[in-house]
């Protein structure tokens, strides 16, 4: 239930940020919107909180739910735990690359 509630807030936040990007550049393409968080610095903090929430970080509501899901998956599917752990790591890496691309790259 916690994951569903957190998903509602995360998804709304992501769509808000994408909408702000679309209003400015009339494109949702990540390559076109590189460095947009430098142009709109007030969205940088919001985007960072959304990324941390997607990662299940400490201020996020779903951190405990993510930990419970990982423990349950380990107990139930211990043979696939390495595959699940690698998937989690790739997802976290993708989110960090996405944040750094949108916030720290030069505007084109």
PDB file of N, CA and C in Angstrom:
ATOM      1  N   UNK A   1       0.811  -1.188   0.000  1.00  0.00           N
ATOM      2  CA  UNK A   1       0.000   0.000   0.000  1.00  0.00           C
ATOM      3  C   UNK A   1       0.866   1.269   0.000  1.00  0.00           C
ATOM      4  N   UNK A   2       1.978   1.211   0.752  1.00  0.00           N
ATOM      5  CA  UNK A   2       2.880   2.364   0.778  1.00  0.00           C
ATOM      6  C   UNK A   2       3.485   2.650  -0.590  1.00  0.00           C
ATOM      7  N   UNK A   3       3.812   1.598  -1.309  1.00  0.00           N
ATOM      8  CA  UNK A   3       4.393   1.789  -2.639  1.00  0.00           C
ATOM      9  C   UNK A   3       3.383   2.429  -3.584  1.00  0.00           C
ATOM     10  N   UNK A   4       2.121   2.067  -3.473  1.00  0.00           N
ATOM     11  CA  UNK A   4       1.089   2.644  -4.330  1.00  0.00           C
ATOM     12  C   UNK A   4       0.901   4.123  -4.013  1.00  0.00           C
ATOM     13  N   UNK A   5       0.875   4.473  -2.737  1.00  0.00           N
ATOM     14  CA  UNK A   5       0.731   5.876  -2.347  1.00  0.00           C
ATOM     15  C   UNK A   5       1.931   6.688  -2.812  1.00  0.00           C
ATOM     16  N   UNK A   6       3.128   6.159  -2.612  1.00  0.00           N
ATOM     17  CA  UNK A   6       4.334   6.863  -3.042  1.00  0.00           C
ATOM     18  C   UNK A   6       4.376   7.002  -4.558  1.00  0.00           C
ATOM     19  N   UNK A   7       3.909   5.986  -5.265  1.00  0.00           N
ATOM     20  CA  UNK A   7       3.891   6.045  -6.722  1.00  0.00           C
ATOM     21  C   UNK A   7       2.985   7.173  -7.219  1.00  0.00           C
ATOM     22  N   UNK A   8       1.890   7.397  -6.530  1.00  0.00           N
ATOM     23  CA  UNK A   8       0.976   8.473  -6.928  1.00  0.00           C
ATOM     24  C   UNK A   8       1.670   9.827  -6.850  1.00  0.00           C
ATOM     25  N   UNK A   9       2.427  10.079  -5.789  1.00  0.00           N
ATOM     26  CA  UNK A   9       3.121  11.351  -5.646  1.00  0.00           C
ATOM     27  C   UNK A   9       4.308  11.467  -6.602  1.00  0.00           C
ATOM     28  N   UNK A  10       5.058  10.379  -6.767  1.00  0.00           N
ATOM     29  CA  UNK A  10       6.215  10.413  -7.667  1.00  0.00           C
ATOM     30  C   UNK A  10       5.797  10.657  -9.101  1.00  0.00           C
ATOM     31  N   UNK A  11       4.784   9.934  -9.551  1.00  0.00           N
ATOM     32  CA  UNK A  11       4.344  10.064 -10.934  1.00  0.00           C
ATOM     33  C   UNK A  11       3.835  11.467 -11.220  1.00  0.00           C
ATOM     34  N   UNK A  12       3.083  12.020 -10.294  1.00  0.00           N
ATOM     35  CA  UNK A  12       2.584  13.380 -10.477  1.00  0.00           C
ATOM     36  C   UNK A  12       3.734  14.373 -10.563  1.00  0.00           C
ATOM     37  N   UNK A  13       4.736  14.200  -9.725  1.00  0.00           N
ATOM     38  CA  UNK A  13       5.901  15.083  -9.748  1.00  0.00           C
ATOM     39  C   UNK A  13       6.685  14.970 -11.041  1.00  0.00           C
ATOM     40  N   UNK A  14       6.873  13.758 -11.518  1.00  0.00           N
ATOM     41  CA  UNK A  14       7.601  13.562 -12.773  1.00  0.00           C
ATOM     42  C   UNK A  14       6.843  14.191 -13.934  1.00  0.00           C
ATOM     43  N   UNK A  15       5.526  14.008 -13.983  1.00  0.00           N
ATOM     44  CA  UNK A  15       4.745  14.606 -15.059  1.00  0.00           C
ATOM     45  C   UNK A  15       4.751  16.129 -14.966  1.00  0.00           C
ATOM     46  N   UNK A  16       4.788  16.694 -13.766  1.00  0.00           N
ATOM     47  CA  UNK A  16       4.872  18.137 -13.606  1.00  0.00           C
ATOM     48  C   UNK A  16       6.181  18.672 -14.175  1.00  0.00           C
ATOM     49  N   UNK A  17       7.296  18.029 -13.837  1.00  0.00           N
ATOM     50  CA  UNK A  17       8.602  18.471 -14.335  1.00  0.00           C
ATOM     51  C   UNK A  17       8.658  18.352 -15.858  1.00  0.00           C
ATOM     52  N   UNK A  18       8.173  17.260 -16.402  1.00  0.00           N
ATOM     53  CA  UNK A  18       8.176  17.071 -17.864  1.00  0.00           C
ATOM     54  C   UNK A  18       7.297  18.119 -18.531  1.00  0.00           C
ATOM     55  N   UNK A  19       6.178  18.465 -17.913  1.00  0.00           N
ATOM     56  CA  UNK A  19       5.299  19.497 -18.457  1.00  0.00           C
ATOM     57  C   UNK A  19       6.001  20.858 -18.474  1.00  0.00           C
ATOM     58  N   UNK A  20       6.738  21.170 -17.404  1.00  0.00           N
ATOM     59  CA  UNK A  20       7.494  22.426 -17.379  1.00  0.00           C
ATOM     60  C   UNK A  20       8.530  22.445 -18.497  1.00  0.00           C
ATOM     61  N   UNK A  21       9.220  21.319 -18.705  1.00  0.00           N
ATOM     62  CA  UNK A  21      10.181  21.233 -19.803  1.00  0.00           C
ATOM     63  C   UNK A  21       9.495  21.404 -21.145  1.00  0.00           C
ATOM     64  N   UNK A  22       8.339  20.799 -21.297  1.00  0.00           N
ATOM     65  CA  UNK A  22       7.613  20.867 -22.571  1.00  0.00           C
ATOM     66  C   UNK A  22       7.144  22.289 -22.860  1.00  0.00           C
ATOM     67  N   UNK A  23       6.722  23.021 -21.847  1.00  0.00           N
ATOM     68  CA  UNK A  23       6.294  24.405 -22.051  1.00  0.00           C
ATOM     69  C   UNK A  23       7.445  25.284 -22.525  1.00  0.00           C
ATOM     70  N   UNK A  24       8.646  24.973 -22.077  1.00  0.00           N
ATOM     71  CA  UNK A  24       9.800  25.788 -22.432  1.00  0.00           C
ATOM     72  C   UNK A  24      10.356  25.452 -23.811  1.00  0.00           C
ATOM     73  N   UNK A  25      10.604  24.185 -24.064  1.00  0.00           N
ATOM     74  CA  UNK A  25      11.270  23.768 -25.302  1.00  0.00           C
ATOM     75  C   UNK A  25      10.354  23.091 -26.308  1.00  0.00           C
ATOM     76  N   UNK A  26       9.121  22.849 -25.945  1.00  0.00           N
ATOM     77  CA  UNK A  26       8.148  22.158 -26.808  1.00  0.00           C
ATOM     78  C   UNK A  26       8.657  20.788 -27.258  1.00  0.00           C
ATOM     79  N   UNK A  27       9.350  20.132 -26.340  1.00  0.00           N
ATOM     80  CA  UNK A  27       9.864  18.797 -26.610  1.00  0.00           C
ATOM     81  C   UNK A  27      10.019  18.060 -25.289  1.00  0.00           C
ATOM     82  N   UNK A  28       9.778  16.757 -25.334  1.00  0.00           N
ATOM     83  CA  UNK A  28       9.998  15.920 -24.148  1.00  0.00           C
ATOM     84  C   UNK A  28      11.296  15.128 -24.260  1.00  0.00           C
ATOM     85  N   UNK A  29      12.052  15.355 -25.298  1.00  0.00           N
ATOM     86  CA  UNK A  29      13.296  14.645 -25.542  1.00  0.00           C
ATOM     87  C   UNK A  29      14.337  15.059 -24.502  1.00  0.00           C
ATOM     88  N   UNK A  30      14.992  14.080 -23.904  1.00  0.00           N
ATOM     89  CA  UNK A  30      15.992  14.360 -22.873  1.00  0.00           C
ATOM     90  C   UNK A  30      17.183  15.118 -23.458  1.00  0.00           C
ATOM     91  N   UNK A  31      17.588  14.783 -24.660  1.00  0.00           N
ATOM     92  CA  UNK A  31      18.741  15.462 -25.259  1.00  0.00           C
ATOM     93  C   UNK A  31      18.449  16.928 -25.547  1.00  0.00           C
ATOM     94  N   UNK A  32      17.229  17.253 -25.896  1.00  0.00           N
ATOM     95  CA  UNK A  32      16.854  18.651 -26.142  1.00  0.00           C
ATOM     96  C   UNK A  32      16.789  19.415 -24.825  1.00  0.00           C
ATOM     97  N   UNK A  33      16.397  18.757 -23.760  1.00  0.00           N
ATOM     98  CA  UNK A  33      16.199  19.411 -22.470  1.00  0.00           C
ATOM     99  C   UNK A  33      17.394  19.319 -21.534  1.00  0.00           C
ATOM    100  N   UNK A  34      18.567  19.006 -22.034  1.00  0.00           N
ATOM    101  CA  UNK A  34      19.738  18.936 -21.164  1.00  0.00           C
ATOM    102  C   UNK A  34      20.027  20.315 -20.590  1.00  0.00           C
ATOM    103  N   UNK A  35      20.324  20.350 -19.324  1.00  0.00           N
ATOM    104  CA  UNK A  35      20.652  21.603 -18.666  1.00  0.00           C
ATOM    105  C   UNK A  35      19.454  22.465 -18.321  1.00  0.00           C
ATOM    106  N   UNK A  36      18.251  21.957 -18.470  1.00  0.00           N
ATOM    107  CA  UNK A  36      17.065  22.768 -18.202  1.00  0.00           C
ATOM    108  C   UNK A  36      16.925  23.109 -16.722  1.00  0.00           C
ATOM    109  N   UNK A  37      17.447  22.286 -15.865  1.00  0.00           N
ATOM    110  CA  UNK A  37      17.340  22.581 -14.441  1.00  0.00           C
ATOM    111  C   UNK A  37      18.242  23.738 -14.046  1.00  0.00           C
ATOM    112  N   UNK A  38      19.222  24.069 -14.890  1.00  0.00           N
ATOM    113  CA  UNK A  38      20.037  25.253 -14.653  1.00  0.00           C
ATOM    114  C   UNK A  38      19.222  26.497 -14.998  1.00  0.00           C
ATOM    115  N   UNK A  39      18.399  26.397 -16.035  1.00  0.00           N
ATOM    116  CA  UNK A  39      17.548  27.508 -16.442  1.00  0.00           C
ATOM    117  C   UNK A  39      16.447  27.734 -15.413  1.00  0.00           C
ATOM    118  N   UNK A  40      15.891  26.660 -14.865  1.00  0.00           N
ATOM    119  CA  UNK A  40      14.850  26.732 -13.845  1.00  0.00           C
ATOM    120  C   UNK A  40      15.379  26.146 -12.545  1.00  0.00           C
ATOM    121  N   UNK A  41      16.116  26.910 -11.767  1.00  0.00           N
ATOM    122  CA  UNK A  41      16.738  26.340 -10.567  1.00  0.00           C
ATOM    123  C   UNK A  41      15.748  25.901  -9.496  1.00  0.00           C
ATOM    124  N   UNK A  42      14.555  26.476  -9.471  1.00  0.00           N
ATOM    125  CA  UNK A  42      13.585  26.065  -8.454  1.00  0.00           C
ATOM    126  C   UNK A  42      13.109  24.638  -8.673  1.00  0.00           C
ATOM    127  N   UNK A  43      13.202  24.137  -9.870  1.00  0.00           N
ATOM    128  CA  UNK A  43      12.787  22.762 -10.124  1.00  0.00           C
ATOM    129  C   UNK A  43      13.877  21.751  -9.782  1.00  0.00           C
ATOM    130  N   UNK A  44      15.102  22.210  -9.570  1.00  0.00           N
ATOM    131  CA  UNK A  44      16.198  21.293  -9.258  1.00  0.00           C
ATOM    132  C   UNK A  44      15.936  20.533  -7.966  1.00  0.00           C
ATOM    133  N   UNK A  45      15.500  21.240  -6.939  1.00  0.00           N
ATOM    134  CA  UNK A  45      15.228  20.584  -5.657  1.00  0.00           C
ATOM    135  C   UNK A  45      14.058  19.617  -5.776  1.00  0.00           C
ATOM    136  N   UNK A  46      13.008  20.027  -6.483  1.00  0.00           N
ATOM    137  CA  UNK A  46      11.851  19.150  -6.670  1.00  0.00           C
ATOM    138  C   UNK A  46      12.270  17.902  -7.435  1.00  0.00           C
ATOM    139  N   UNK A  47      13.042  18.070  -8.497  1.00  0.00           N
ATOM    140  CA  UNK A  47      13.508  16.937  -9.299  1.00  0.00           C
ATOM    141  C   UNK A  47      14.389  16.015  -8.464  1.00  0.00           C
ATOM    142  N   UNK A  48      15.249  16.582  -7.616  1.00  0.00           N
ATOM    143  CA  UNK A  48      16.105  15.768  -6.757  1.00  0.00           C
ATOM    144  C   UNK A  48      15.276  14.959  -5.766  1.00  0.00           C
ATOM    145  N   UNK A  49      14.266  15.569  -5.170  1.00  0.00           N
ATOM    146  CA  UNK A  49      13.407  14.843  -4.229  1.00  0.00           C
ATOM    147  C   UNK A  49      12.627  13.734  -4.933  1.00  0.00           C
ATOM    148  N   UNK A  50      12.213  13.967  -6.161  1.00  0.00           N
ATOM    149  CA  UNK A  50      11.507  12.927  -6.920  1.00  0.00           C
ATOM    150  C   UNK A  50      12.445  11.772  -7.235  1.00  0.00           C
ATOM    151  N   UNK A  51      13.668  12.069  -7.623  1.00  0.00           N
ATOM    152  CA  UNK A  51      14.649  11.019  -7.921  1.00  0.00           C
ATOM    153  C   UNK A  51      14.968  10.226  -6.655  1.00  0.00           C
ATOM    154  N   UNK A  52      15.166  10.919  -5.532  1.00  0.00           N
ATOM    155  CA  UNK A  52      15.438  10.208  -4.285  1.00  0.00           C
ATOM    156  C   UNK A  52      14.245   9.339  -3.900  1.00  0.00           C
ATOM    157  N   UNK A  53      13.058   9.845  -4.130  1.00  0.00           N
ATOM    158  CA  UNK A  53      11.860   9.055  -3.844  1.00  0.00           C
ATOM    159  C   UNK A  53      11.800   7.824  -4.731  1.00  0.00           C
ATOM    160  N   UNK A  54      12.159   7.971  -5.995  1.00  0.00           N
ATOM    161  CA  UNK A  54      12.176   6.819  -6.902  1.00  0.00           C
ATOM    162  C   UNK A  54      13.214   5.793  -6.468  1.00  0.00           C
ATOM    163  N   UNK A  55      14.272   6.257  -5.850  1.00  0.00           N
ATOM    164  CA  UNK A  55      15.317   5.347  -5.389  1.00  0.00           C
ATOM    165  C   UNK A  55      14.995   4.717  -4.042  1.00  0.00           C
ATOM    166  N   UNK A  56      13.969   5.194  -3.382  1.00  0.00           N
ATOM    167  CA  UNK A  56      13.636   4.674  -2.058  1.00  0.00           C
ATOM    168  C   UNK A  56      14.554   5.234  -1.001  1.00  0.00           C
ATOM    169  N   UNK A  57      14.908   6.497  -1.138  1.00  0.00           N
ATOM    170  CA  UNK A  57      15.818   7.136  -0.206  1.00  0.00           C
ATOM    171  C   UNK A  57      15.154   7.510   1.109  1.00  0.00           C
ATOM    172  N   UNK A  58      15.952   7.974   2.076  1.00  0.00           N
ATOM    173  CA  UNK A  58      15.457   8.231   3.429  1.00  0.00           C
ATOM    174  C   UNK A  58      14.276   9.190   3.568  1.00  0.00           C
ATOM    175  N   UNK A  59      14.192  10.312   2.875  1.00  0.00           N
ATOM    176  CA  UNK A  59      13.008  11.133   3.130  1.00  0.00           C
ATOM    177  C   UNK A  59      11.753  10.609   2.428  1.00  0.00           C
ATOM    178  N   UNK A  60      11.886   9.546   1.657  1.00  0.00           N
ATOM    179  CA  UNK A  60      10.757   9.032   0.880  1.00  0.00           C
ATOM    180  C   UNK A  60       9.845   8.160   1.732  1.00  0.00           C
ATOM    181  N   UNK A  61       8.571   8.188   1.400  1.00  0.00           N
ATOM    182  CA  UNK A  61       7.571   7.422   2.136  1.00  0.00           C
ATOM    183  C   UNK A  61       7.707   5.912   1.881  1.00  0.00           C
ATOM    184  N   UNK A  62       8.288   5.560   0.751  1.00  0.00           N
ATOM    185  CA  UNK A  62       8.314   4.150   0.379  1.00  0.00           C
ATOM    186  C   UNK A  62       9.622   3.442   0.724  1.00  0.00           C
ATOM    187  N   UNK A  63      10.476   4.067   1.502  1.00  0.00           N
ATOM    188  CA  UNK A  63      11.748   3.420   1.836  1.00  0.00           C
ATOM    189  C   UNK A  63      11.525   2.119   2.606  1.00  0.00           C
ATOM    190  N   UNK A  64      10.666   2.162   3.592  1.00  0.00           N
ATOM    191  CA  UNK A  64      10.386   0.968   4.376  1.00  0.00           C
ATOM    192  C   UNK A  64       9.730  -0.110   3.520  1.00  0.00           C
ATOM    193  N   UNK A  65       8.821   0.301   2.643  1.00  0.00           N
ATOM    194  CA  UNK A  65       8.156  -0.666   1.761  1.00  0.00           C
ATOM    195  C   UNK A  65       9.152  -1.308   0.800  1.00  0.00           C
ATOM    196  N   UNK A  66      10.104  -0.533   0.305  1.00  0.00           N
ATOM    197  CA  UNK A  66      11.122  -1.098  -0.590  1.00  0.00           C
ATOM    198  C   UNK A  66      11.990  -2.116   0.146  1.00  0.00           C
ATOM    199  N   UNK A  67      12.362  -1.802   1.372  1.00  0.00           N
ATOM    200  CA  UNK A  67      13.174  -2.729   2.162  1.00  0.00           C
ATOM    201  C   UNK A  67      12.394  -4.017   2.415  1.00  0.00           C
ATOM    202  N   UNK A  68      11.118  -3.890   2.759  1.00  0.00           N
ATOM    203  CA  UNK A  68      10.289  -5.080   2.973  1.00  0.00           C
ATOM    204  C   UNK A  68      10.179  -5.913   1.706  1.00  0.00           C
ATOM    205  N   UNK A  69      10.025  -5.263   0.558  1.00  0.00           N
ATOM    206  CA  UNK A  69       9.923  -6.005  -0.710  1.00  0.00           C
ATOM    207  C   UNK A  69      11.221  -6.744  -1.025  1.00  0.00           C
ATOM    208  N   UNK A  70      12.345  -6.112  -0.774  1.00  0.00           N
ATOM    209  CA  UNK A  70      13.630  -6.760  -1.034  1.00  0.00           C
ATOM    210  C   UNK A  70      13.812  -7.969  -0.123  1.00  0.00           C
ATOM    211  N   UNK A  71      13.465  -7.811   1.156  1.00  0.00           N
ATOM    212  CA  UNK A  71      13.586  -8.939   2.089  1.00  0.00           C
ATOM    213  C   UNK A  71      12.660 -10.073   1.677  1.00  0.00           C
ATOM    214  N   UNK A  72      11.427  -9.752   1.313  1.00  0.00           N
ATOM    215  CA  UNK A  72      10.482 -10.785   0.894  1.00  0.00           C
ATOM    216  C   UNK A  72      10.974 -11.497  -0.370  1.00  0.00           C
ATOM    217  N   UNK A  73      11.492 -10.733  -1.314  1.00  0.00           N
ATOM    218  CA  UNK A  73      11.998 -11.366  -2.545  1.00  0.00           C
ATOM    219  C   UNK A  73      13.190 -12.255  -2.252  1.00  0.00           C
ATOM    220  N   UNK A  74      14.022 -11.835  -1.321  1.00  0.00           N
ATOM    221  CA  UNK A  74      15.163 -12.665  -0.967  1.00  0.00           C
ATOM    222  C   UNK A  74      14.704 -13.968  -0.319  1.00  0.00           C
ATOM    223  N   UNK A  75      13.712 -13.882   0.548  1.00  0.00           N
ATOM    224  CA  UNK A  75      13.229 -15.090   1.225  1.00  0.00           C
ATOM    225  C   UNK A  75      12.488 -16.002   0.254  1.00  0.00           C
ATOM    226  N   UNK A  76      11.745 -15.434  -0.674  1.00  0.00           N
ATOM    227  CA  UNK A  76      10.934 -16.243  -1.581  1.00  0.00           C
ATOM    228  C   UNK A  76      11.711 -16.750  -2.792  1.00  0.00           C
ATOM    229  N   UNK A  77      12.536 -15.886  -3.348  1.00  0.00           N
ATOM    230  CA  UNK A  77      13.235 -16.221  -4.585  1.00  0.00           C
ATOM    231  C   UNK A  77      14.736 -16.033  -4.396  1.00  0.00           C
ATOM    232  N   UNK A  78      15.292 -16.761  -3.463  1.00  0.00           N
ATOM    233  CA  UNK A  78      16.698 -16.562  -3.138  1.00  0.00           C
ATOM    234  C   UNK A  78      17.627 -16.888  -4.308  1.00  0.00           C
ATOM    235  N   UNK A  79      17.186 -17.728  -5.244  1.00  0.00           N
ATOM    236  CA  UNK A  79      18.034 -18.042  -6.400  1.00  0.00           C
ATOM    237  C   UNK A  79      18.087 -16.878  -7.384  1.00  0.00           C
ATOM    238  N   UNK A  80      17.046 -16.069  -7.418  1.00  0.00           N
ATOM    239  CA  UNK A  80      16.999 -14.934  -8.330  1.00  0.00           C
ATOM    240  C   UNK A  80      17.396 -13.625  -7.661  1.00  0.00           C
ATOM    241  N   UNK A  81      17.825 -13.686  -6.413  1.00  0.00           N
ATOM    242  CA  UNK A  81      18.121 -12.457  -5.681  1.00  0.00           C
ATOM    243  C   UNK A  81      19.245 -11.665  -6.336  1.00  0.00           C
ATOM    244  N   UNK A  82      20.262 -12.323  -6.851  1.00  0.00           N
ATOM    245  CA  UNK A  82      21.359 -11.619  -7.509  1.00  0.00           C
ATOM    246  C   UNK A  82      20.852 -10.864  -8.734  1.00  0.00           C
ATOM    247  N   UNK A  83      19.972 -11.482  -9.498  1.00  0.00           N
ATOM    248  CA  UNK A  83      19.398 -10.823 -10.664  1.00  0.00           C
ATOM    249  C   UNK A  83      18.573  -9.602 -10.256  1.00  0.00           C
ATOM    250  N   UNK A  84      17.793  -9.732  -9.203  1.00  0.00           N
ATOM    251  CA  UNK A  84      16.991  -8.613  -8.703  1.00  0.00           C
ATOM    252  C   UNK A  84      17.897  -7.498  -8.185  1.00  0.00           C
ATOM    253  N   UNK A  85      18.942  -7.849  -7.486  1.00  0.00           N
ATOM    254  CA  UNK A  85      19.873  -6.848  -6.959  1.00  0.00           C
ATOM    255  C   UNK A  85      20.565  -6.094  -8.092  1.00  0.00           C
ATOM    256  N   UNK A  86      20.968  -6.789  -9.134  1.00  0.00           N
ATOM    257  CA  UNK A  86      21.592  -6.128 -10.283  1.00  0.00           C
ATOM    258  C   UNK A  86      20.582  -5.201 -10.969  1.00  0.00           C
ATOM    259  N   UNK A  87      19.332  -5.624 -11.067  1.00  0.00           N
ATOM    260  CA  UNK A  87      18.291  -4.772 -11.638  1.00  0.00           C
ATOM    261  C   UNK A  87      18.088  -3.503 -10.831  1.00  0.00           C
ATOM    262  N   UNK A  88      18.084  -3.630  -9.506  1.00  0.00           N
ATOM    263  CA  UNK A  88      17.977  -2.448  -8.652  1.00  0.00           C
ATOM    264  C   UNK A  88      19.156  -1.511  -8.868  1.00  0.00           C
ATOM    265  N   UNK A  89      20.359  -2.049  -8.974  1.00  0.00           N
ATOM    266  CA  UNK A  89      21.539  -1.210  -9.153  1.00  0.00           C
ATOM    267  C   UNK A  89      21.513  -0.486 -10.504  1.00  0.00           C
ATOM    268  N   UNK A  90      21.102  -1.174 -11.569  1.00  0.00           N
ATOM    269  CA  UNK A  90      20.999  -0.519 -12.871  1.00  0.00           C
ATOM    270  C   UNK A  90      19.940   0.578 -12.854  1.00  0.00           C
ATOM    271  N   UNK A  91      18.828   0.348 -12.171  1.00  0.00           N
ATOM    272  CA  UNK A  91      17.776   1.370 -12.072  1.00  0.00           C
ATOM    273  C   UNK A  91      18.292   2.594 -11.319  1.00  0.00           C
ATOM    274  N   UNK A  92      19.022   2.368 -10.245  1.00  0.00           N
ATOM    275  CA  UNK A  92      19.576   3.499  -9.495  1.00  0.00           C
ATOM    276  C   UNK A  92      20.590   4.261 -10.338  1.00  0.00           C
ATOM    277  N   UNK A  93      21.425   3.558 -11.052  1.00  0.00           N
ATOM    278  CA  UNK A  93      22.397   4.212 -11.934  1.00  0.00           C
ATOM    279  C   UNK A  93      21.724   5.044 -13.014  1.00  0.00           C
ATOM    280  N   UNK A  94      20.663   4.503 -13.609  1.00  0.00           N
ATOM    281  CA  UNK A  94      19.926   5.245 -14.633  1.00  0.00           C
ATOM    282  C   UNK A  94      19.351   6.542 -14.062  1.00  0.00           C
ATOM    283  N   UNK A  95      18.823   6.500 -12.856  1.00  0.00           N
ATOM    284  CA  UNK A  95      18.240   7.697 -12.265  1.00  0.00           C
ATOM    285  C   UNK A  95      19.306   8.759 -11.996  1.00  0.00           C
ATOM    286  N   UNK A  96      20.477   8.353 -11.552  1.00  0.00           N
ATOM    287  CA  UNK A  96      21.541   9.322 -11.330  1.00  0.00           C
ATOM    288  C   UNK A  96      22.025   9.933 -12.641  1.00  0.00           C
ATOM    289  N   UNK A  97      22.128   9.132 -13.690  1.00  0.00           N
ATOM    290  CA  UNK A  97      22.526   9.662 -14.995  1.00  0.00           C
ATOM    291  C   UNK A  97      21.463  10.622 -15.522  1.00  0.00           C
ATOM    292  N   UNK A  98      20.199  10.276 -15.352  1.00  0.00           N
ATOM    293  CA  UNK A  98      19.112  11.143 -15.786  1.00  0.00           C
ATOM    294  C   UNK A  98      19.152  12.474 -15.056  1.00  0.00           C
ATOM    295  N   UNK A  99      19.331  12.448 -13.752  1.00  0.00           N
ATOM    296  CA  UNK A  99      19.388  13.690 -12.985  1.00  0.00           C
ATOM    297  C   UNK A  99      20.584  14.533 -13.397  1.00  0.00           C
ATOM    298  N   UNK A 100      21.738  13.925 -13.531  1.00  0.00           N
ATOM    299  CA  UNK A 100      22.927  14.706 -13.895  1.00  0.00           C
ATOM    300  C   UNK A 100      22.820  15.252 -15.307  1.00  0.00           C
ATOM    301  N   UNK A 101      22.188  14.519 -16.209  1.00  0.00           N
ATOM    302  CA  UNK A 101      22.015  15.016 -17.578  1.00  0.00           C
ATOM    303  C   UNK A 101      21.090  16.219 -17.601  1.00  0.00           C
ATOM    304  N   UNK A 102      20.005  16.153 -16.875  1.00  0.00           N
ATOM    305  CA  UNK A 102      19.054  17.249 -16.894  1.00  0.00           C
ATOM    306  C   UNK A 102      19.486  18.447 -16.065  1.00  0.00           C
ATOM    307  N   UNK A 103      20.318  18.243 -15.076  1.00  0.00           N
ATOM    308  CA  UNK A 103      20.647  19.365 -14.205  1.00  0.00           C
ATOM    309  C   UNK A 103      22.021  19.983 -14.461  1.00  0.00           C
ATOM    310  N   UNK A 104      22.988  19.219 -14.914  1.00  0.00           N
ATOM    311  CA  UNK A 104      24.341  19.734 -14.948  1.00  0.00           C
ATOM    312  C   UNK A 104      24.912  19.916 -16.344  1.00  0.00           C
ATOM    313  N   UNK A 105      24.226  19.475 -17.364  1.00  0.00           N
ATOM    314  CA  UNK A 105      24.745  19.630 -18.716  1.00  0.00           C
ATOM    315  C   UNK A 105      24.505  21.042 -19.212  1.00  0.00           C
ATOM    316  N   UNK A 106      25.218  21.402 -20.270  1.00  0.00           N
ATOM    317  CA  UNK A 106      25.028  22.719 -20.868  1.00  0.00           C
ATOM    318  C   UNK A 106      23.724  22.770 -21.639  1.00  0.00           C
ATOM    319  N   UNK A 107      23.076  23.918 -21.639  1.00  0.00           N
ATOM    320  CA  UNK A 107      21.861  24.063 -22.428  1.00  0.00           C
ATOM    321  C   UNK A 107      22.249  24.201 -23.882  1.00  0.00           C
ATOM    322  N   UNK A 108      21.416  23.633 -24.751  1.00  0.00           N
ATOM    323  CA  UNK A 108      21.750  23.701 -26.176  1.00  0.00           C
ATOM    324  C   UNK A 108      20.931  24.739 -26.889  1.00  0.00           C
TER     325      UNK A 108
END
